[in-house]
Amino acid sequence: MTSKLQDESIPKATQPSHVLPDNWPSDVTFITDYTYSDAVTPELRTGLSRPCTASEAWSKIPPEALESPCPRVKILTIGDQQHPAFGQRGLFAAQQLDPDAMIIVYKGLVHTNSMSDTDAHSDYDLALDRELGLSVDGARAGNESRFANDYRGIAERPNAEFRDCFVQTCSKRAEGVKWERRVGIYVLSAGKAGKRKAGIKAGDEVLVNYGKGYWEGRKTVASFRKDEEMLRIATLALDS
């Protein structure tokens, strides 16, 4: 279920000036920054720029680190038949990625969490700001980040994670630079024992933790749709 508001907010086609990443799907619009549902008011947009106690520790990403397509990653089709996403796309490191490095910002359509403004069938919807009631959905328009797979069934643990951050959205304001909230994918820290000090090596798949709640939700949806393949993948993820 996709609202009319969302249909009007998403670009109908990739702009000619956009260079598409290799292996980009033809049925998804590639975007270089957030798009916004008409239900996201100017007041809500302002809220995304408002600092809070927790945001004091968030990293601030300058424009030069937001090159698009992202040179740090590549999209590859999964050829391993044992991989839960066999035949589908995954996100891989195009270069060495050190611990705590920002890999890429998750981009998509920012929408409110109301039922009329949410795509109930999306597998790419990520919470952006729970207090404001906003999420970002990369199902029909997004960037390379949408292809980051969950680690379950692939590796013992993830090598990357979602973190809140700020990006610079405007540098010509009387009050100074404007920073707006985003969610980025970061390499996991090395850890106190330094067990993850190698980071993510070039060619390795970038794997995150979707959380058990995500897979429980997918299992419920699969049962309702009688989608055996989705049910298999969700069950595999929950059992791993």
C-alpha atoms as a PDB file:
ATOM      1  CA  MET A   1       0.000   0.000   0.000  1.00  0.00           C
ATOM      2  CA  THR A   2       1.687   3.170  -1.200  1.00  0.00           C
ATOM      3  CA  SER A   3       0.016   6.512  -0.621  1.00  0.00           C
ATOM      4  CA  LYS A   4      -0.649   9.051  -3.343  1.00  0.00           C
ATOM      5  CA  LEU A   5       1.581  11.414  -1.384  1.00  0.00           C
ATOM      6  CA  GLN A   6       4.505   9.066  -1.820  1.00  0.00           C
ATOM      7  CA  ASP A   7       3.816   8.598  -5.539  1.00  0.00           C
ATOM      8  CA  GLU A   8       4.029  12.356  -6.067  1.00  0.00           C
ATOM      9  CA  SER A   9       7.187  12.726  -3.972  1.00  0.00           C
ATOM     10  CA  ILE A  10       9.428  10.164  -5.647  1.00  0.00           C
ATOM     11  CA  PRO A  11      11.215  11.150  -8.864  1.00  0.00           C
ATOM     12  CA  LYS A  12       9.679   9.383 -11.858  1.00  0.00           C
ATOM     13  CA  ALA A  13      13.061   8.737 -13.455  1.00  0.00           C
ATOM     14  CA  THR A  14      16.705   9.199 -12.657  1.00  0.00           C
ATOM     15  CA  GLN A  15      17.888  12.616 -13.764  1.00  0.00           C
ATOM     16  CA  PRO A  16      20.311  12.547 -16.752  1.00  0.00           C
ATOM     17  CA  SER A  17      23.000  14.206 -14.624  1.00  0.00           C
ATOM     18  CA  HIS A  18      23.045  11.238 -12.242  1.00  0.00           C
ATOM     19  CA  VAL A  19      25.674   8.605 -12.923  1.00  0.00           C
ATOM     20  CA  LEU A  20      24.217   5.250 -11.969  1.00  0.00           C
ATOM     21  CA  PRO A  21      26.258   2.759  -9.924  1.00  0.00           C
ATOM     22  CA  ASP A  22      27.191  -0.422 -11.773  1.00  0.00           C
ATOM     23  CA  ASN A  23      24.547  -3.159 -11.526  1.00  0.00           C
ATOM     24  CA  TRP A  24      21.809  -0.693 -10.524  1.00  0.00           C
ATOM     25  CA  PRO A  25      18.268  -2.147 -10.988  1.00  0.00           C
ATOM     26  CA  SER A  26      16.160  -0.505 -13.686  1.00  0.00           C
ATOM     27  CA  ASP A  27      12.992  -0.512 -11.572  1.00  0.00           C
ATOM     28  CA  VAL A  28      14.441   1.596  -8.733  1.00  0.00           C
ATOM     29  CA  THR A  29      15.143   5.340  -8.953  1.00  0.00           C
ATOM     30  CA  PHE A  30      18.678   6.281  -7.964  1.00  0.00           C
ATOM     31  CA  ILE A  31      18.756   9.389  -5.759  1.00  0.00           C
ATOM     32  CA  THR A  32      21.638  11.419  -4.345  1.00  0.00           C
ATOM     33  CA  ASP A  33      19.764  12.733  -1.296  1.00  0.00           C
ATOM     34  CA  TYR A  34      16.531  12.264   0.592  1.00  0.00           C
ATOM     35  CA  THR A  35      13.185  12.880  -1.042  1.00  0.00           C
ATOM     36  CA  TYR A  36      10.238  13.780   1.184  1.00  0.00           C
ATOM     37  CA  SER A  37       6.607  12.792   1.312  1.00  0.00           C
ATOM     38  CA  ASP A  38       4.205  15.733   1.183  1.00  0.00           C
ATOM     39  CA  ALA A  39       3.118  14.655   4.673  1.00  0.00           C
ATOM     40  CA  VAL A  40       6.543  15.646   6.011  1.00  0.00           C
ATOM     41  CA  THR A  41       5.875  19.249   7.001  1.00  0.00           C
ATOM     42  CA  PRO A  42       8.439  22.071   7.197  1.00  0.00           C
ATOM     43  CA  GLU A  43       8.178  21.775  10.984  1.00  0.00           C
ATOM     44  CA  LEU A  44       9.179  18.103  10.821  1.00  0.00           C
ATOM     45  CA  ARG A  45      12.081  18.959   8.516  1.00  0.00           C
ATOM     46  CA  THR A  46      13.203  21.564  11.043  1.00  0.00           C
ATOM     47  CA  GLY A  47      13.013  18.883  13.743  1.00  0.00           C
ATOM     48  CA  LEU A  48      15.559  16.802  11.848  1.00  0.00           C
ATOM     49  CA  SER A  49      18.056  19.632  12.290  1.00  0.00           C
ATOM     50  CA  ARG A  50      17.381  20.146  15.973  1.00  0.00           C
ATOM     51  CA  PRO A  51      20.177  18.798  18.217  1.00  0.00           C
ATOM     52  CA  CYS A  52      19.447  16.696  21.270  1.00  0.00           C
ATOM     53  CA  THR A  53      21.503  15.265  24.120  1.00  0.00           C
ATOM     54  CA  ALA A  54      22.217  12.041  22.226  1.00  0.00           C
ATOM     55  CA  SER A  55      23.258  13.891  19.065  1.00  0.00           C
ATOM     56  CA  GLU A  56      26.295  15.419  20.736  1.00  0.00           C
ATOM     57  CA  ALA A  57      28.214  12.227  19.937  1.00  0.00           C
ATOM     58  CA  TRP A  58      26.983  11.907  16.334  1.00  0.00           C
ATOM     59  CA  SER A  59      29.492  12.422  13.554  1.00  0.00           C
ATOM     60  CA  LYS A  60      29.056  15.318  11.124  1.00  0.00           C
ATOM     61  CA  ILE A  61      29.593  14.364   7.504  1.00  0.00           C
ATOM     62  CA  PRO A  62      30.743  17.126   5.127  1.00  0.00           C
ATOM     63  CA  PRO A  63      29.533  17.270   1.504  1.00  0.00           C
ATOM     64  CA  GLU A  64      32.834  15.997   0.091  1.00  0.00           C
ATOM     65  CA  ALA A  65      32.281  12.677   1.903  1.00  0.00           C
ATOM     66  CA  LEU A  66      28.914  12.193   0.203  1.00  0.00           C
ATOM     67  CA  GLU A  67      30.121  11.592  -3.349  1.00  0.00           C
ATOM     68  CA  SER A  68      27.515   9.755  -5.389  1.00  0.00           C
ATOM     69  CA  PRO A  69      27.848   7.035  -6.581  1.00  0.00           C
ATOM     70  CA  CYS A  70      29.799   6.108  -3.480  1.00  0.00           C
ATOM     71  CA  PRO A  71      33.400   5.097  -4.311  1.00  0.00           C
ATOM     72  CA  ARG A  72      33.702   2.987  -1.155  1.00  0.00           C
ATOM     73  CA  VAL A  73      31.183   0.335  -2.195  1.00  0.00           C
ATOM     74  CA  LYS A  74      29.982  -1.676  -5.170  1.00  0.00           C
ATOM     75  CA  ILE A  75      26.802  -3.590  -5.929  1.00  0.00           C
ATOM     76  CA  LEU A  76      27.289  -7.227  -6.900  1.00  0.00           C
ATOM     77  CA  THR A  77      24.889 -10.050  -7.695  1.00  0.00           C
ATOM     78  CA  ILE A  78      25.172 -12.904  -5.161  1.00  0.00           C
ATOM     79  CA  GLY A  79      26.496 -16.025  -6.878  1.00  0.00           C
ATOM     80  CA  ASP A  80      26.838 -18.285  -3.838  1.00  0.00           C
ATOM     81  CA  GLN A  81      23.924 -20.743  -3.801  1.00  0.00           C
ATOM     82  CA  GLN A  82      24.239 -21.092  -0.007  1.00  0.00           C
ATOM     83  CA  HIS A  83      23.750 -17.352   0.485  1.00  0.00           C
ATOM     84  CA  PRO A  84      20.226 -16.413   1.694  1.00  0.00           C
ATOM     85  CA  ALA A  85      20.083 -13.735  -1.023  1.00  0.00           C
ATOM     86  CA  PHE A  86      21.377 -15.958  -3.846  1.00  0.00           C
ATOM     87  CA  GLY A  87      20.622 -14.390  -7.220  1.00  0.00           C
ATOM     88  CA  GLN A  88      19.895 -11.007  -5.643  1.00  0.00           C
ATOM     89  CA  ARG A  89      22.179  -8.015  -5.070  1.00  0.00           C
ATOM     90  CA  GLY A  90      24.459  -7.300  -2.146  1.00  0.00           C
ATOM     91  CA  LEU A  91      26.669  -4.420  -1.025  1.00  0.00           C
ATOM     92  CA  PHE A  92      30.435  -5.012  -1.095  1.00  0.00           C
ATOM     93  CA  ALA A  93      33.475  -2.976  -0.095  1.00  0.00           C
ATOM     94  CA  ALA A  94      35.257  -1.468  -3.084  1.00  0.00           C
ATOM     95  CA  GLN A  95      38.277  -0.601  -0.928  1.00  0.00           C
ATOM     96  CA  GLN A  96      39.654  -1.210   2.554  1.00  0.00           C
ATOM     97  CA  LEU A  97      37.227   0.200   5.139  1.00  0.00           C
ATOM     98  CA  ASP A  98      38.744   0.864   8.542  1.00  0.00           C
ATOM     99  CA  PRO A  99      36.963   0.491  11.906  1.00  0.00           C
ATOM    100  CA  ASP A 100      34.424   3.251  12.652  1.00  0.00           C
ATOM    101  CA  ALA A 101      34.619   4.600   9.100  1.00  0.00           C
ATOM    102  CA  MET A 102      31.423   5.963   7.600  1.00  0.00           C
ATOM    103  CA  ILE A 103      30.612   3.807   4.578  1.00  0.00           C
ATOM    104  CA  ILE A 104      27.471   5.354   3.133  1.00  0.00           C
ATOM    105  CA  VAL A 105      24.342   7.264   4.146  1.00  0.00           C
ATOM    106  CA  TYR A 106      21.056   5.377   3.854  1.00  0.00           C
ATOM    107  CA  LYS A 107      18.881   7.305   1.392  1.00  0.00           C
ATOM    108  CA  GLY A 108      15.278   7.030   0.339  1.00  0.00           C
ATOM    109  CA  LEU A 109      11.857   8.615   0.774  1.00  0.00           C
ATOM    110  CA  VAL A 110      11.358  10.238   4.179  1.00  0.00           C
ATOM    111  CA  HIS A 111       7.773   9.697   5.291  1.00  0.00           C
ATOM    112  CA  THR A 112       5.632   9.857   8.393  1.00  0.00           C
ATOM    113  CA  ASN A 113       4.763   6.643  10.204  1.00  0.00           C
ATOM    114  CA  SER A 114       1.031   7.016   9.597  1.00  0.00           C
ATOM    115  CA  MET A 115      -0.587   4.093   7.785  1.00  0.00           C
ATOM    116  CA  SER A 116      -1.599   6.327   4.858  1.00  0.00           C
ATOM    117  CA  ASP A 117       1.992   7.460   4.339  1.00  0.00           C
ATOM    118  CA  THR A 118       3.740   4.089   4.789  1.00  0.00           C
ATOM    119  CA  ASP A 119       4.311   1.293   2.283  1.00  0.00           C
ATOM    120  CA  ALA A 120       3.279  -1.777   4.238  1.00  0.00           C
ATOM    121  CA  HIS A 121       4.988  -4.069   1.714  1.00  0.00           C
ATOM    122  CA  SER A 122       8.400  -2.416   1.792  1.00  0.00           C
ATOM    123  CA  ASP A 123      11.448  -4.403   2.880  1.00  0.00           C
ATOM    124  CA  TYR A 124      13.599  -1.267   2.884  1.00  0.00           C
ATOM    125  CA  ASP A 125      11.966   0.952   5.513  1.00  0.00           C
ATOM    126  CA  LEU A 126      14.280   2.226   8.266  1.00  0.00           C
ATOM    127  CA  ALA A 127      13.396   4.276  11.348  1.00  0.00           C
ATOM    128  CA  LEU A 128      14.837   7.777  11.086  1.00  0.00           C
ATOM    129  CA  ASP A 129      13.458   9.657  14.110  1.00  0.00           C
ATOM    130  CA  ARG A 130      11.017   7.875  16.408  1.00  0.00           C
ATOM    131  CA  GLU A 131      10.174  11.022  18.375  1.00  0.00           C
ATOM    132  CA  LEU A 132       9.193  12.858  15.196  1.00  0.00           C
ATOM    133  CA  GLY A 133       7.555   9.719  13.797  1.00  0.00           C
ATOM    134  CA  LEU A 134       9.660   9.634  10.632  1.00  0.00           C
ATOM    135  CA  SER A 135      11.208   6.782   8.654  1.00  0.00           C
ATOM    136  CA  VAL A 136      13.163   6.538   5.405  1.00  0.00           C
ATOM    137  CA  ASP A 137      12.149   3.995   2.754  1.00  0.00           C
ATOM    138  CA  GLY A 138      14.561   2.894   0.023  1.00  0.00           C
ATOM    139  CA  ALA A 139      12.159   0.505  -1.724  1.00  0.00           C
ATOM    140  CA  ARG A 140      11.412   2.506  -4.876  1.00  0.00           C
ATOM    141  CA  ALA A 141      14.041   5.251  -4.674  1.00  0.00           C
ATOM    142  CA  GLY A 142      17.368   5.023  -2.887  1.00  0.00           C
ATOM    143  CA  ASN A 143      21.117   4.576  -3.200  1.00  0.00           C
ATOM    144  CA  GLU A 144      23.613   1.725  -2.865  1.00  0.00           C
ATOM    145  CA  SER A 145      22.922   1.377   0.871  1.00  0.00           C
ATOM    146  CA  ARG A 146      19.616  -0.393   0.198  1.00  0.00           C
ATOM    147  CA  PHE A 147      21.573  -3.507  -0.829  1.00  0.00           C
ATOM    148  CA  ALA A 148      23.275  -4.059   2.536  1.00  0.00           C
ATOM    149  CA  ASN A 149      22.178  -7.529   3.659  1.00  0.00           C
ATOM    150  CA  ASP A 150      21.570  -8.837   7.166  1.00  0.00           C
ATOM    151  CA  TYR A 151      24.447 -10.978   8.441  1.00  0.00           C
ATOM    152  CA  ARG A 152      22.256 -13.903   9.524  1.00  0.00           C
ATOM    153  CA  GLY A 153      22.871 -17.010   7.459  1.00  0.00           C
ATOM    154  CA  ILE A 154      25.958 -15.389   5.899  1.00  0.00           C
ATOM    155  CA  ALA A 155      28.466 -14.727   8.686  1.00  0.00           C
ATOM    156  CA  GLU A 156      28.799 -15.240  12.438  1.00  0.00           C
ATOM    157  CA  ARG A 157      28.363 -11.533  13.105  1.00  0.00           C
ATOM    158  CA  PRO A 158      27.879  -8.240  11.248  1.00  0.00           C
ATOM    159  CA  ASN A 159      30.835  -6.094  10.210  1.00  0.00           C
ATOM    160  CA  ALA A 160      28.864  -2.845   9.944  1.00  0.00           C
ATOM    161  CA  GLU A 161      26.028  -1.059  11.730  1.00  0.00           C
ATOM    162  CA  PHE A 162      23.505   1.740  11.368  1.00  0.00           C
ATOM    163  CA  ARG A 163      24.401   4.926  13.233  1.00  0.00           C
ATOM    164  CA  ASP A 164      22.703   8.296  13.531  1.00  0.00           C
ATOM    165  CA  CYS A 165      24.674  11.156  12.029  1.00  0.00           C
ATOM    166  CA  PHE A 166      24.360  14.666  10.621  1.00  0.00           C
ATOM    167  CA  VAL A 167      25.065  15.758   7.053  1.00  0.00           C
ATOM    168  CA  GLN A 168      25.633  19.284   5.828  1.00  0.00           C
ATOM    169  CA  THR A 169      22.644  20.326   3.727  1.00  0.00           C
ATOM    170  CA  CYS A 170      23.278  24.049   3.255  1.00  0.00           C
ATOM    171  CA  SER A 171      26.293  26.319   3.622  1.00  0.00           C
ATOM    172  CA  LYS A 172      24.651  29.659   2.762  1.00  0.00           C
ATOM    173  CA  ARG A 173      22.601  30.459   5.835  1.00  0.00           C
ATOM    174  CA  ALA A 174      22.831  33.625   7.880  1.00  0.00           C
ATOM    175  CA  GLU A 175      23.058  31.573  11.049  1.00  0.00           C
ATOM    176  CA  GLY A 176      25.767  29.331   9.653  1.00  0.00           C
ATOM    177  CA  VAL A 177      25.962  25.783   8.288  1.00  0.00           C
ATOM    178  CA  LYS A 178      22.817  23.657   8.490  1.00  0.00           C
ATOM    179  CA  TRP A 179      23.099  20.025   9.589  1.00  0.00           C
ATOM    180  CA  GLU A 180      20.254  17.549   9.119  1.00  0.00           C
ATOM    181  CA  ARG A 181      19.795  14.139  10.690  1.00  0.00           C
ATOM    182  CA  ARG A 182      20.533  11.034   8.634  1.00  0.00           C
ATOM    183  CA  VAL A 183      21.234   7.351   9.262  1.00  0.00           C
ATOM    184  CA  GLY A 184      24.546   6.065   7.981  1.00  0.00           C
ATOM    185  CA  ILE A 185      26.151   2.640   7.657  1.00  0.00           C
ATOM    186  CA  TYR A 186      29.452   2.529   9.550  1.00  0.00           C
ATOM    187  CA  VAL A 187      32.166  -0.080   9.939  1.00  0.00           C
ATOM    188  CA  LEU A 188      32.009  -1.589  13.423  1.00  0.00           C
ATOM    189  CA  SER A 189      34.578  -0.308  15.900  1.00  0.00           C
ATOM    190  CA  ALA A 190      37.670  -2.414  16.571  1.00  0.00           C
ATOM    191  CA  GLY A 191      36.364  -3.299  20.046  1.00  0.00           C
ATOM    192  CA  LYS A 192      38.221  -3.163  23.342  1.00  0.00           C
ATOM    193  CA  ALA A 193      40.243  -6.262  22.456  1.00  0.00           C
ATOM    194  CA  GLY A 194      40.864  -5.052  18.913  1.00  0.00           C
ATOM    195  CA  LYS A 195      39.295  -8.160  17.381  1.00  0.00           C
ATOM    196  CA  ARG A 196      37.753  -6.143  14.564  1.00  0.00           C
ATOM    197  CA  LYS A 197      40.797  -3.971  13.869  1.00  0.00           C
ATOM    198  CA  ALA A 198      40.992  -5.269  10.292  1.00  0.00           C
ATOM    199  CA  GLY A 199      37.739  -3.476   9.443  1.00  0.00           C
ATOM    200  CA  ILE A 200      36.173  -4.602   6.172  1.00  0.00           C
ATOM    201  CA  LYS A 201      38.538  -5.764   3.465  1.00  0.00           C
ATOM    202  CA  ALA A 202      38.093  -4.809  -0.183  1.00  0.00           C
ATOM    203  CA  GLY A 203      35.789  -7.351  -1.814  1.00  0.00           C
ATOM    204  CA  ASP A 204      34.047  -8.376   1.424  1.00  0.00           C
ATOM    205  CA  GLU A 205      30.288  -8.052   1.741  1.00  0.00           C
ATOM    206  CA  VAL A 206      29.019  -5.257   3.993  1.00  0.00           C
ATOM    207  CA  LEU A 207      26.731  -6.956   6.513  1.00  0.00           C
ATOM    208  CA  VAL A 208      24.505  -5.275   9.094  1.00  0.00           C
ATOM    209  CA  ASN A 209      22.086  -6.426  11.777  1.00  0.00           C
ATOM    210  CA  TYR A 210      18.462  -5.846  10.807  1.00  0.00           C
ATOM    211  CA  GLY A 211      17.367  -7.011  14.244  1.00  0.00           C
ATOM    212  CA  LYS A 212      15.194  -9.968  15.250  1.00  0.00           C
ATOM    213  CA  GLY A 213      12.102  -7.764  15.084  1.00  0.00           C
ATOM    214  CA  TYR A 214      12.595  -7.222  11.360  1.00  0.00           C
ATOM    215  CA  TRP A 215      12.736 -10.952  10.625  1.00  0.00           C
ATOM    216  CA  GLU A 216       9.817 -11.738  12.899  1.00  0.00           C
ATOM    217  CA  GLY A 217       7.826  -9.167  10.959  1.00  0.00           C
ATOM    218  CA  ARG A 218       8.904 -10.646   7.626  1.00  0.00           C
ATOM    219  CA  LYS A 219       7.898 -14.114   8.843  1.00  0.00           C
ATOM    220  CA  THR A 220       4.433 -12.857   9.758  1.00  0.00           C
ATOM    221  CA  VAL A 221       4.036 -11.153   6.377  1.00  0.00           C
ATOM    222  CA  ALA A 222       5.288 -14.273   4.555  1.00  0.00           C
ATOM    223  CA  SER A 223       2.738 -16.430   6.341  1.00  0.00           C
ATOM    224  CA  PHE A 224      -0.038 -14.006   5.428  1.00  0.00           C
ATOM    225  CA  ARG A 225       1.058 -13.830   1.771  1.00  0.00           C
ATOM    226  CA  LYS A 226       1.811 -17.577   1.637  1.00  0.00           C
ATOM    227  CA  ASP A 227       5.241 -16.616   0.309  1.00  0.00           C
ATOM    228  CA  GLU A 228       7.304 -19.776   0.866  1.00  0.00           C
ATOM    229  CA  GLU A 229      10.624 -18.226  -0.190  1.00  0.00           C
ATOM    230  CA  MET A 230      10.280 -15.235   2.132  1.00  0.00           C
ATOM    231  CA  LEU A 231       9.195 -17.584   4.927  1.00  0.00           C
ATOM    232  CA  ARG A 232      12.273 -19.757   4.336  1.00  0.00           C
ATOM    233  CA  ILE A 233      14.651 -16.803   4.461  1.00  0.00           C
ATOM    234  CA  ALA A 234      13.005 -15.297   7.558  1.00  0.00           C
ATOM    235  CA  THR A 235      13.056 -18.630   9.373  1.00  0.00           C
ATOM    236  CA  LEU A 236      16.696 -19.182   8.448  1.00  0.00           C
ATOM    237  CA  ALA A 237      17.593 -15.724   9.749  1.00  0.00           C
ATOM    238  CA  LEU A 238      15.778 -16.237  13.050  1.00  0.00           C
ATOM    239  CA  ASP A 239      17.363 -19.663  13.583  1.00  0.00           C
ATOM    240  CA  SER A 240      20.919 -18.476  12.927  1.00  0.00           C
END
